[in-house]
PDB file of N, CA and C in Angstrom:
ATOM      1  N   MET A   1      -3.421  -3.983  -4.396  1.00  0.00           N
ATOM      2  CA  MET A   1      -3.026  -2.802  -4.088  1.00  0.00           C
ATOM      3  C   MET A   1      -4.239  -2.144  -3.110  1.00  0.00           C
ATOM      4  N   ILE A   2      -5.419  -2.532  -3.312  1.00  0.00           N
ATOM      5  CA  ILE A   2      -6.391  -2.054  -2.472  1.00  0.00           C
ATOM      6  C   ILE A   2      -6.332  -2.540  -1.145  1.00  0.00           C
ATOM      7  N   GLY A   3      -5.732  -3.817  -0.918  1.00  0.00           N
ATOM      8  CA  GLY A   3      -5.373  -4.369   0.383  1.00  0.00           C
ATOM      9  C   GLY A   3      -4.296  -3.445   1.099  1.00  0.00           C
ATOM     10  N   TRP A   4      -3.397  -2.931   0.452  1.00  0.00           N
ATOM     11  CA  TRP A   4      -2.336  -2.052   1.002  1.00  0.00           C
ATOM     12  C   TRP A   4      -3.048  -0.817   1.388  1.00  0.00           C
ATOM     13  N   ALA A   5      -3.998  -0.281   0.689  1.00  0.00           N
ATOM     14  CA  ALA A   5      -4.688   1.030   1.027  1.00  0.00           C
ATOM     15  C   ALA A   5      -5.487   0.760   2.203  1.00  0.00           C
ATOM     16  N   VAL A   6      -6.145  -0.371   2.301  1.00  0.00           N
ATOM     17  CA  VAL A   6      -6.984  -0.623   3.712  1.00  0.00           C
ATOM     18  C   VAL A   6      -6.028  -0.687   4.824  1.00  0.00           C
ATOM     19  N   THR A   7      -4.962  -1.390   4.533  1.00  0.00           N
ATOM     20  CA  THR A   7      -3.854  -1.641   5.688  1.00  0.00           C
ATOM     21  C   THR A   7      -3.514  -0.229   6.233  1.00  0.00           C
ATOM     22  N   PHE A   8      -3.174   0.651   5.367  1.00  0.00           N
ATOM     23  CA  PHE A   8      -2.708   1.951   5.700  1.00  0.00           C
ATOM     24  C   PHE A   8      -3.792   2.766   6.431  1.00  0.00           C
ATOM     25  N   LEU A   9      -4.943   2.461   5.910  1.00  0.00           N
ATOM     26  CA  LEU A   9      -6.174   3.180   6.500  1.00  0.00           C
ATOM     27  C   LEU A   9      -6.332   2.729   7.967  1.00  0.00           C
ATOM     28  N   VAL A  10      -6.337   1.413   8.233  1.00  0.00           N
ATOM     29  CA  VAL A  10      -6.287   0.806   9.540  1.00  0.00           C
ATOM     30  C   VAL A  10      -5.305   1.445  10.460  1.00  0.00           C
ATOM     31  N   VAL A  11      -4.050   1.370   9.919  1.00  0.00           N
ATOM     32  CA  VAL A  11      -2.957   1.955  10.803  1.00  0.00           C
ATOM     33  C   VAL A  11      -3.191   3.339  11.028  1.00  0.00           C
ATOM     34  N   ALA A  12      -3.653   4.286  10.188  1.00  0.00           N
ATOM     35  CA  ALA A  12      -4.038   5.571  10.338  1.00  0.00           C
ATOM     36  C   ALA A  12      -4.954   5.752  11.503  1.00  0.00           C
ATOM     37  N   LEU A  13      -6.172   4.928  11.426  1.00  0.00           N
ATOM     38  CA  LEU A  13      -7.220   4.973  12.374  1.00  0.00           C
ATOM     39  C   LEU A  13      -6.743   4.723  13.808  1.00  0.00           C
ATOM     40  N   VAL A  14      -5.929   3.539  13.939  1.00  0.00           N
ATOM     41  CA  VAL A  14      -5.430   3.064  15.135  1.00  0.00           C
ATOM     42  C   VAL A  14      -4.488   4.220  15.750  1.00  0.00           C
ATOM     43  N   ALA A  15      -3.543   4.751  14.911  1.00  0.00           N
ATOM     44  CA  ALA A  15      -2.655   5.714  15.347  1.00  0.00           C
ATOM     45  C   ALA A  15      -3.454   7.049  15.811  1.00  0.00           C
ATOM     46  N   ALA A  16      -4.416   7.352  15.161  1.00  0.00           N
ATOM     47  CA  ALA A  16      -5.273   8.542  15.535  1.00  0.00           C
ATOM     48  C   ALA A  16      -6.018   8.145  16.849  1.00  0.00           C
ATOM     49  N   LEU A  17      -6.532   7.024  17.072  1.00  0.00           N
ATOM     50  CA  LEU A  17      -7.072   6.765  18.322  1.00  0.00           C
ATOM     51  C   LEU A  17      -6.135   6.785  19.567  1.00  0.00           C
ATOM     52  N   LEU A  18      -4.915   6.453  19.187  1.00  0.00           N
ATOM     53  CA  LEU A  18      -3.846   6.501  20.263  1.00  0.00           C
ATOM     54  C   LEU A  18      -3.218   7.747  20.468  1.00  0.00           C
ATOM     55  N   GLY A  19      -3.467   8.804  19.691  1.00  0.00           N
ATOM     56  CA  GLY A  19      -3.094  10.041  19.723  1.00  0.00           C
ATOM     57  C   GLY A  19      -1.686  10.417  19.064  1.00  0.00           C
ATOM     58  N   PHE A  20      -1.348   9.515  18.119  1.00  0.00           N
ATOM     59  CA  PHE A  20      -0.207   9.670  17.314  1.00  0.00           C
ATOM     60  C   PHE A  20      -0.684  10.373  15.912  1.00  0.00           C
ATOM     61  N   GLY A  21      -0.577  11.727  16.003  1.00  0.00           N
ATOM     62  CA  GLY A  21      -1.220  12.581  14.958  1.00  0.00           C
ATOM     63  C   GLY A  21      -0.340  12.525  13.641  1.00  0.00           C
ATOM     64  N   GLY A  22       0.971  12.697  13.860  1.00  0.00           N
ATOM     65  CA  GLY A  22       1.905  12.552  12.788  1.00  0.00           C
ATOM     66  C   GLY A  22       1.884  11.219  11.943  1.00  0.00           C
ATOM     67  N   ILE A  23       1.846  10.297  12.745  1.00  0.00           N
ATOM     68  CA  ILE A  23       1.854   8.905  12.054  1.00  0.00           C
ATOM     69  C   ILE A  23       0.666   8.678  11.498  1.00  0.00           C
ATOM     70  N   ALA A  24      -0.481   9.111  12.077  1.00  0.00           N
ATOM     71  CA  ALA A  24      -1.763   8.999  11.483  1.00  0.00           C
ATOM     72  C   ALA A  24      -1.842   9.753  10.213  1.00  0.00           C
ATOM     73  N   GLY A  25      -1.377  10.961  10.079  1.00  0.00           N
ATOM     74  CA  GLY A  25      -1.490  11.695   8.817  1.00  0.00           C
ATOM     75  C   GLY A  25      -0.650  11.180   7.739  1.00  0.00           C
ATOM     76  N   THR A  26       0.432  10.614   8.098  1.00  0.00           N
ATOM     77  CA  THR A  26       1.301  10.076   7.077  1.00  0.00           C
ATOM     78  C   THR A  26       0.738   8.654   6.547  1.00  0.00           C
ATOM     79  N   ALA A  27       0.141   7.927   7.482  1.00  0.00           N
ATOM     80  CA  ALA A  27      -0.517   6.671   6.983  1.00  0.00           C
ATOM     81  C   ALA A  27      -1.698   7.050   6.056  1.00  0.00           C
ATOM     82  N   MET A  28      -2.490   8.089   6.460  1.00  0.00           N
ATOM     83  CA  MET A  28      -3.559   8.358   5.709  1.00  0.00           C
ATOM     84  C   MET A  28      -3.279   8.846   4.271  1.00  0.00           C
ATOM     85  N   GLU A  29      -2.107   9.630   4.208  1.00  0.00           N
ATOM     86  CA  GLU A  29      -1.656  10.130   2.830  1.00  0.00           C
ATOM     87  C   GLU A  29      -1.221   8.869   2.071  1.00  0.00           C
ATOM     88  N   ALA A  30      -0.577   8.030   2.749  1.00  0.00           N
ATOM     89  CA  ALA A  30      -0.001   6.861   1.942  1.00  0.00           C
ATOM     90  C   ALA A  30      -1.185   5.958   1.449  1.00  0.00           C
ATOM     91  N   ALA A  31      -2.336   6.000   2.308  1.00  0.00           N
ATOM     92  CA  ALA A  31      -3.394   5.138   1.792  1.00  0.00           C
ATOM     93  C   ALA A  31      -4.074   5.867   0.607  1.00  0.00           C
ATOM     94  N   LYS A  32      -4.132   7.161   0.718  1.00  0.00           N
ATOM     95  CA  LYS A  32      -4.727   7.825  -0.519  1.00  0.00           C
ATOM     96  C   LYS A  32      -3.930   7.625  -1.678  1.00  0.00           C
ATOM     97  N   VAL A  33      -2.644   7.715  -1.562  1.00  0.00           N
ATOM     98  CA  VAL A  33      -1.786   7.595  -2.805  1.00  0.00           C
ATOM     99  C   VAL A  33      -1.875   6.222  -3.333  1.00  0.00           C
ATOM    100  N   VAL A  34      -1.832   5.230  -2.453  1.00  0.00           N
ATOM    101  CA  VAL A  34      -1.832   3.828  -2.949  1.00  0.00           C
ATOM    102  C   VAL A  34      -3.282   3.575  -3.555  1.00  0.00           C
ATOM    103  N   PHE A  35      -4.264   4.132  -2.994  1.00  0.00           N
ATOM    104  CA  PHE A  35      -5.701   3.870  -3.592  1.00  0.00           C
ATOM    105  C   PHE A  35      -5.815   4.478  -4.917  1.00  0.00           C
ATOM    106  N   PHE A  36      -5.226   5.720  -5.189  1.00  0.00           N
ATOM    107  CA  PHE A  36      -5.454   6.401  -6.378  1.00  0.00           C
ATOM    108  C   PHE A  36      -4.581   5.719  -7.488  1.00  0.00           C
ATOM    109  N   VAL A  37      -3.369   5.224  -6.996  1.00  0.00           N
ATOM    110  CA  VAL A  37      -2.467   4.459  -8.023  1.00  0.00           C
ATOM    111  C   VAL A  37      -3.223   3.236  -8.416  1.00  0.00           C
ATOM    112  N   ALA A  38      -3.901   2.528  -7.520  1.00  0.00           N
ATOM    113  CA  ALA A  38      -4.576   1.276  -7.980  1.00  0.00           C
ATOM    114  C   ALA A  38      -5.780   1.608  -8.864  1.00  0.00           C
ATOM    115  N   ILE A  39      -6.449   2.709  -8.642  1.00  0.00           N
ATOM    116  CA  ILE A  39      -7.547   3.141  -9.475  1.00  0.00           C
ATOM    117  C   ILE A  39      -6.947   3.480 -10.986  1.00  0.00           C
ATOM    118  N   ALA A  40      -5.877   4.133 -11.003  1.00  0.00           N
ATOM    119  CA  ALA A  40      -5.348   4.655 -12.181  1.00  0.00           C
ATOM    120  C   ALA A  40      -4.882   3.316 -13.026  1.00  0.00           C
ATOM    121  N   LEU A  41      -4.126   2.360 -12.369  1.00  0.00           N
ATOM    122  CA  LEU A  41      -3.695   1.130 -12.943  1.00  0.00           C
ATOM    123  C   LEU A  41      -5.005   0.218 -13.478  1.00  0.00           C
ATOM    124  N   PHE A  42      -5.860   0.309 -12.659  1.00  0.00           N
ATOM    125  CA  PHE A  42      -7.312  -0.370 -13.173  1.00  0.00           C
ATOM    126  C   PHE A  42      -7.733   0.139 -14.495  1.00  0.00           C
ATOM    127  N   LEU A  43      -7.932   1.520 -14.323  1.00  0.00           N
ATOM    128  CA  LEU A  43      -8.477   2.193 -15.666  1.00  0.00           C
ATOM    129  C   LEU A  43      -7.510   1.990 -16.858  1.00  0.00           C
ATOM    130  N   ILE A  44      -6.158   2.077 -16.675  1.00  0.00           N
ATOM    131  CA  ILE A  44      -5.384   1.828 -17.860  1.00  0.00           C
ATOM    132  C   ILE A  44      -5.454   0.487 -18.339  1.00  0.00           C
ATOM    133  N   SER A  45      -5.549  -0.505 -17.452  1.00  0.00           N
ATOM    134  CA  SER A  45      -5.764  -1.939 -17.713  1.00  0.00           C
ATOM    135  C   SER A  45      -7.124  -2.079 -18.640  1.00  0.00           C
ATOM    136  N   ALA A  46      -8.029  -1.566 -18.197  1.00  0.00           N
ATOM    137  CA  ALA A  46      -9.478  -1.636 -18.677  1.00  0.00           C
ATOM    138  C   ALA A  46      -9.378  -1.058 -20.168  1.00  0.00           C
ATOM    139  N   VAL A  47      -8.698   0.084 -20.302  1.00  0.00           N
ATOM    140  CA  VAL A  47      -8.662   0.752 -21.653  1.00  0.00           C
ATOM    141  C   VAL A  47      -7.817  -0.169 -22.645  1.00  0.00           C
ATOM    142  N   PHE A  48      -6.714  -0.671 -22.217  1.00  0.00           N
ATOM    143  CA  PHE A  48      -5.949  -1.505 -23.055  1.00  0.00           C
ATOM    144  C   PHE A  48      -6.778  -2.748 -23.277  1.00  0.00           C
ATOM    145  N   GLY A  49      -7.504  -3.290 -22.365  1.00  0.00           N
ATOM    146  CA  GLY A  49      -8.221  -4.539 -22.709  1.00  0.00           C
ATOM    147  C   GLY A  49      -9.332  -4.241 -23.757  1.00  0.00           C
ATOM    148  N   VAL A  50      -9.904  -3.080 -23.697  1.00  0.00           N
ATOM    149  CA  VAL A  50     -11.008  -2.719 -24.678  1.00  0.00           C
ATOM    150  C   VAL A  50     -10.321  -2.523 -25.989  1.00  0.00           C
ATOM    151  N   MET A  51      -9.099  -1.818 -26.033  1.00  0.00           N
ATOM    152  CA  MET A  51      -8.449  -1.600 -27.292  1.00  0.00           C
ATOM    153  C   MET A  51      -8.016  -2.869 -27.979  1.00  0.00           C
ATOM    154  N   ARG A  52      -7.632  -3.789 -27.294  1.00  0.00           N
ATOM    155  CA  ARG A  52      -7.240  -5.044 -27.856  1.00  0.00           C
ATOM    156  C   ARG A  52      -8.407  -6.053 -28.246  1.00  0.00           C
ATOM    157  N   GLY A  53      -9.580  -5.656 -27.761  1.00  0.00           N
ATOM    158  CA  GLY A  53     -10.688  -6.299 -28.325  1.00  0.00           C
ATOM    159  C   GLY A  53     -11.075  -7.497 -27.440  1.00  0.00           C
ATOM    160  N   ARG A  54     -10.475  -7.732 -26.283  1.00  0.00           N
ATOM    161  CA  ARG A  54     -10.801  -8.785 -25.466  1.00  0.00           C
ATOM    162  C   ARG A  54     -11.945  -8.446 -24.662  1.00  0.00           C
ATOM    163  N   SER A  55     -12.801  -9.404 -24.412  1.00  0.00           N
ATOM    164  CA  SER A  55     -13.925  -9.162 -23.402  1.00  0.00           C
ATOM    165  C   SER A  55     -13.429  -9.483 -21.959  1.00  0.00           C
ATOM    166  N   PRO A  56     -13.837  -8.795 -21.063  1.00  0.00           N
ATOM    167  CA  PRO A  56     -13.341  -8.965 -19.691  1.00  0.00           C
ATOM    168  C   PRO A  56     -13.954 -10.254 -19.193  1.00  0.00           C
ATOM    169  N   ARG A  57     -13.057 -10.981 -18.296  1.00  0.00           N
ATOM    170  CA  ARG A  57     -13.559 -12.169 -17.680  1.00  0.00           C
ATOM    171  C   ARG A  57     -13.938 -11.848 -16.241  1.00  0.00           C
ATOM    172  N   LEU A  58     -15.069 -12.480 -15.855  1.00  0.00           N
ATOM    173  CA  LEU A  58     -15.542 -12.161 -14.554  1.00  0.00           C
ATOM    174  C   LEU A  58     -15.284 -13.361 -13.567  1.00  0.00           C
TER     175      LEU A  58
END
């Protein structure tokens, strides 16, 4: 999911450089949403991993 967030960020930056403000704003908002969803899913996964008593693998 972080890859999708980076992709949307790059699209937003390119669109902003080319003068497409509406597309850049939409892509930036999508990047923010995907980023925060990825962080939330990571935290939920970490909490459930701790509750199950499993040590994280690196």
